[in-house]
Amino acid sequence: LITLDIMLVDPGQDFEGGDFATPELDGSSSTPEFGKGDALFFVSHKFHNVRPVTAGTRNVLVAELWAGPSSRCEHRCESQDCALSGCEL
């Protein structure tokens, strides 16, 4: 599962704060440059977050790219025999 984020507005102009961040093994935090029109691809299971937006509105298009059989399960299960209520495999 891969996540694609596309920044739709200008950071620093349309909003303040809101940095995309990922923790790294050495305890640091990585915050890639992410300007209007830029795209970030990352494995979805990697812990990631967005720091608080302190002013304005941050708009990002987010898409998840899946491999494997189709599923409409809202809780992202990968089981072919999910017993959770509402799961539509």
N, C-alpha and C. Protein backbone atom coordinates (compact mmCIF):
# COMPACT_ATOMS: atom_id res chain seq x y z
N LEU A 1 0.86 -1.18 0.00
CA LEU A 1 0.00 0.00 0.00
C LEU A 1 0.90 1.24 0.00
N ILE A 2 0.71 2.08 -0.98
CA ILE A 2 1.49 3.31 -1.13
C ILE A 2 0.53 4.50 -1.02
N THR A 3 0.97 5.53 -0.33
CA THR A 3 0.17 6.76 -0.24
C THR A 3 0.83 7.83 -1.09
N LEU A 4 0.00 8.58 -1.80
CA LEU A 4 0.43 9.71 -2.62
C LEU A 4 -0.25 10.96 -2.07
N ASP A 5 0.53 11.97 -1.70
CA ASP A 5 0.00 13.26 -1.25
C ASP A 5 0.44 14.32 -2.25
N ILE A 6 -0.48 15.17 -2.69
CA ILE A 6 -0.16 16.27 -3.60
C ILE A 6 -0.60 17.58 -2.93
N MET A 7 0.35 18.51 -2.76
CA MET A 7 0.05 19.79 -2.13
C MET A 7 -0.68 20.69 -3.12
N LEU A 8 -1.85 21.17 -2.72
CA LEU A 8 -2.70 21.97 -3.61
C LEU A 8 -2.60 23.47 -3.37
N VAL A 9 -1.94 23.89 -2.31
CA VAL A 9 -1.84 25.32 -1.97
C VAL A 9 -0.38 25.67 -1.68
N ASP A 10 -0.10 26.96 -1.50
CA ASP A 10 1.26 27.43 -1.24
C ASP A 10 1.56 27.50 0.26
N PRO A 11 2.42 26.60 0.76
CA PRO A 11 2.82 26.72 2.17
C PRO A 11 3.51 28.08 2.40
N GLY A 12 3.25 28.68 3.55
CA GLY A 12 3.84 29.99 3.84
C GLY A 12 3.02 31.14 3.30
N GLN A 13 2.19 30.87 2.32
CA GLN A 13 1.30 31.90 1.77
C GLN A 13 -0.15 31.60 2.13
N ASP A 14 -0.61 30.38 1.86
CA ASP A 14 -1.99 29.99 2.14
C ASP A 14 -2.17 29.44 3.56
N PHE A 15 -1.08 28.96 4.15
CA PHE A 15 -1.16 28.45 5.52
C PHE A 15 0.22 28.48 6.15
N GLU A 16 0.24 28.42 7.48
CA GLU A 16 1.49 28.35 8.26
C GLU A 16 1.46 27.05 9.06
N GLY A 17 2.66 26.50 9.33
CA GLY A 17 2.74 25.23 10.05
C GLY A 17 2.40 24.09 9.10
N GLY A 18 1.84 23.02 9.65
CA GLY A 18 1.35 21.93 8.82
C GLY A 18 2.40 21.13 8.09
N ASP A 19 3.63 21.06 8.63
CA ASP A 19 4.68 20.28 7.98
C ASP A 19 4.36 18.80 8.03
N PHE A 20 4.58 18.10 6.93
CA PHE A 20 4.51 16.65 6.88
C PHE A 20 5.78 16.12 7.55
N ALA A 21 5.65 15.14 8.44
CA ALA A 21 6.83 14.66 9.16
C ALA A 21 6.79 13.15 9.33
N THR A 22 7.96 12.54 9.32
CA THR A 22 8.11 11.11 9.61
C THR A 22 9.23 10.94 10.62
N PRO A 23 9.00 10.13 11.65
CA PRO A 23 10.09 9.85 12.59
C PRO A 23 11.10 8.91 11.94
N GLU A 24 12.36 9.08 12.27
CA GLU A 24 13.43 8.25 11.72
C GLU A 24 14.03 7.38 12.80
N LEU A 25 14.75 6.33 12.39
CA LEU A 25 15.31 5.36 13.33
C LEU A 25 16.26 5.98 14.36
N ASP A 26 16.94 7.05 13.98
CA ASP A 26 17.89 7.68 14.90
C ASP A 26 17.23 8.63 15.90
N GLY A 27 15.87 8.69 15.88
CA GLY A 27 15.14 9.55 16.79
C GLY A 27 14.83 10.93 16.24
N SER A 28 15.40 11.25 15.09
CA SER A 28 15.12 12.55 14.47
C SER A 28 13.79 12.50 13.73
N SER A 29 13.40 13.61 13.20
CA SER A 29 12.18 13.72 12.42
C SER A 29 12.52 14.28 11.05
N SER A 30 12.01 13.68 10.01
CA SER A 30 12.25 14.15 8.65
C SER A 30 11.05 14.97 8.19
N THR A 31 11.31 16.16 7.64
CA THR A 31 10.26 17.02 7.10
C THR A 31 10.66 17.44 5.69
N PRO A 32 10.23 16.68 4.69
CA PRO A 32 10.63 16.98 3.31
C PRO A 32 10.02 18.29 2.82
N GLU A 33 10.69 18.93 1.87
CA GLU A 33 10.12 20.09 1.19
C GLU A 33 8.85 19.63 0.50
N PHE A 34 7.77 20.40 0.64
CA PHE A 34 6.47 19.99 0.11
C PHE A 34 5.71 21.24 -0.30
N GLY A 35 6.01 21.74 -1.51
CA GLY A 35 5.40 22.97 -2.01
C GLY A 35 4.22 22.69 -2.92
N LYS A 36 3.56 23.75 -3.34
CA LYS A 36 2.40 23.62 -4.21
C LYS A 36 2.77 22.83 -5.47
N GLY A 37 1.97 21.80 -5.77
CA GLY A 37 2.21 20.96 -6.94
C GLY A 37 3.15 19.80 -6.68
N ASP A 38 3.84 19.80 -5.53
CA ASP A 38 4.75 18.71 -5.20
C ASP A 38 3.97 17.47 -4.78
N ALA A 39 4.58 16.30 -4.99
CA ALA A 39 3.98 15.03 -4.60
C ALA A 39 4.92 14.29 -3.67
N LEU A 40 4.35 13.66 -2.66
CA LEU A 40 5.08 12.77 -1.77
C LEU A 40 4.52 11.36 -1.95
N PHE A 41 5.38 10.38 -2.13
CA PHE A 41 5.00 8.97 -2.16
C PHE A 41 5.67 8.31 -0.96
N PHE A 42 4.93 7.50 -0.22
CA PHE A 42 5.54 6.78 0.90
C PHE A 42 4.72 5.53 1.20
N VAL A 43 5.38 4.55 1.79
CA VAL A 43 4.65 3.33 2.18
C VAL A 43 3.70 3.72 3.32
N SER A 44 2.45 3.36 3.15
CA SER A 44 1.40 3.83 4.04
C SER A 44 1.56 3.38 5.48
N HIS A 45 2.20 2.24 5.71
CA HIS A 45 2.34 1.75 7.08
C HIS A 45 3.44 2.47 7.85
N LYS A 46 4.27 3.26 7.17
CA LYS A 46 5.28 4.04 7.90
C LYS A 46 4.57 5.14 8.69
N PHE A 47 4.89 5.24 9.97
CA PHE A 47 4.27 6.26 10.79
C PHE A 47 4.58 7.63 10.20
N HIS A 48 3.55 8.46 10.10
CA HIS A 48 3.70 9.80 9.55
C HIS A 48 2.65 10.70 10.19
N ASN A 49 2.89 11.99 10.16
CA ASN A 49 1.92 12.92 10.71
C ASN A 49 2.10 14.29 10.06
N VAL A 50 1.16 15.14 10.36
CA VAL A 50 1.21 16.53 9.91
C VAL A 50 1.19 17.40 11.16
N ARG A 51 2.17 18.26 11.26
CA ARG A 51 2.23 19.15 12.42
C ARG A 51 1.06 20.14 12.36
N PRO A 52 0.67 20.71 13.50
CA PRO A 52 -0.49 21.60 13.53
C PRO A 52 -0.37 22.78 12.56
N VAL A 53 -1.49 23.08 11.90
CA VAL A 53 -1.59 24.27 11.05
C VAL A 53 -1.91 25.43 11.98
N THR A 54 -1.08 26.47 11.95
CA THR A 54 -1.25 27.59 12.88
C THR A 54 -2.01 28.76 12.28
N ALA A 55 -2.14 28.80 10.95
CA ALA A 55 -2.90 29.85 10.27
C ALA A 55 -3.26 29.38 8.88
N GLY A 56 -4.42 29.82 8.38
CA GLY A 56 -4.83 29.49 7.03
C GLY A 56 -5.39 28.08 6.88
N THR A 57 -5.44 27.63 5.64
CA THR A 57 -5.99 26.31 5.33
C THR A 57 -5.01 25.53 4.47
N ARG A 58 -4.68 24.32 4.90
CA ARG A 58 -3.78 23.41 4.20
C ARG A 58 -4.65 22.42 3.41
N ASN A 59 -4.51 22.40 2.09
CA ASN A 59 -5.27 21.49 1.24
C ASN A 59 -4.32 20.54 0.52
N VAL A 60 -4.54 19.25 0.72
CA VAL A 60 -3.71 18.21 0.11
C VAL A 60 -4.62 17.14 -0.46
N LEU A 61 -4.32 16.71 -1.68
CA LEU A 61 -5.01 15.57 -2.27
C LEU A 61 -4.27 14.32 -1.82
N VAL A 62 -5.00 13.35 -1.25
CA VAL A 62 -4.40 12.11 -0.77
C VAL A 62 -5.02 10.94 -1.52
N ALA A 63 -4.16 10.08 -2.06
CA ALA A 63 -4.63 8.87 -2.74
C ALA A 63 -3.84 7.68 -2.20
N GLU A 64 -4.52 6.55 -2.05
CA GLU A 64 -3.86 5.32 -1.64
C GLU A 64 -3.84 4.37 -2.81
N LEU A 65 -2.67 3.82 -3.10
CA LEU A 65 -2.48 2.92 -4.23
C LEU A 65 -2.32 1.51 -3.70
N TRP A 66 -3.28 0.65 -4.03
CA TRP A 66 -3.33 -0.71 -3.51
C TRP A 66 -2.92 -1.71 -4.59
N ALA A 67 -2.34 -2.80 -4.16
CA ALA A 67 -2.09 -3.93 -5.05
C ALA A 67 -2.87 -5.12 -4.49
N GLY A 68 -3.41 -5.94 -5.36
CA GLY A 68 -4.14 -7.11 -4.90
C GLY A 68 -5.60 -7.03 -5.26
N PRO A 69 -6.40 -7.94 -4.69
CA PRO A 69 -7.82 -7.99 -5.04
C PRO A 69 -8.57 -6.74 -4.58
N SER A 70 -9.61 -6.39 -5.30
CA SER A 70 -10.43 -5.23 -4.95
C SER A 70 -11.13 -5.45 -3.62
N SER A 71 -11.32 -4.36 -2.88
CA SER A 71 -12.02 -4.42 -1.60
C SER A 71 -12.67 -3.07 -1.36
N ARG A 72 -13.85 -3.09 -0.79
CA ARG A 72 -14.52 -1.85 -0.41
C ARG A 72 -14.62 -1.75 1.10
N CYS A 73 -13.79 -2.48 1.78
CA CYS A 73 -13.80 -2.53 3.23
C CYS A 73 -13.25 -1.21 3.79
N GLU A 74 -14.02 -0.52 4.60
CA GLU A 74 -13.62 0.79 5.11
C GLU A 74 -12.50 0.73 6.14
N HIS A 75 -12.24 -0.43 6.71
CA HIS A 75 -11.20 -0.51 7.74
C HIS A 75 -9.92 -1.14 7.19
N ARG A 76 -9.77 -1.19 5.88
CA ARG A 76 -8.53 -1.59 5.19
C ARG A 76 -8.10 -3.02 5.46
N CYS A 77 -9.06 -3.89 5.78
CA CYS A 77 -8.65 -5.27 6.04
C CYS A 77 -8.17 -5.91 4.74
N GLU A 78 -7.34 -6.91 4.88
CA GLU A 78 -6.84 -7.63 3.72
C GLU A 78 -7.37 -9.05 3.69
N SER A 79 -8.25 -9.35 4.63
CA SER A 79 -8.80 -10.70 4.74
C SER A 79 -9.89 -10.94 3.70
N GLN A 80 -9.93 -12.13 3.14
CA GLN A 80 -11.00 -12.48 2.21
C GLN A 80 -12.24 -12.97 2.94
N ASP A 81 -12.15 -13.20 4.24
CA ASP A 81 -13.30 -13.65 5.02
C ASP A 81 -13.48 -12.80 6.27
N CYS A 82 -13.53 -11.50 6.06
CA CYS A 82 -13.69 -10.54 7.15
C CYS A 82 -15.08 -10.69 7.75
N ALA A 83 -15.13 -10.72 9.07
CA ALA A 83 -16.41 -10.89 9.77
C ALA A 83 -16.91 -9.59 10.40
N LEU A 84 -16.22 -8.49 10.17
CA LEU A 84 -16.65 -7.23 10.75
C LEU A 84 -17.90 -6.71 10.06
N SER A 85 -18.76 -6.11 10.83
CA SER A 85 -20.00 -5.56 10.31
C SER A 85 -19.74 -4.51 9.24
N GLY A 86 -20.41 -4.60 8.12
CA GLY A 86 -20.30 -3.60 7.07
C GLY A 86 -19.18 -3.86 6.08
N CYS A 87 -18.38 -4.90 6.30
CA CYS A 87 -17.26 -5.18 5.39
C CYS A 87 -17.81 -5.77 4.10
N GLU A 88 -17.44 -5.15 2.98
CA GLU A 88 -17.88 -5.60 1.66
C GLU A 88 -16.66 -5.96 0.82
N LEU A 89 -16.26 -7.20 0.87
CA LEU A 89 -15.11 -7.62 0.09
C LEU A 89 -15.47 -7.90 -1.33
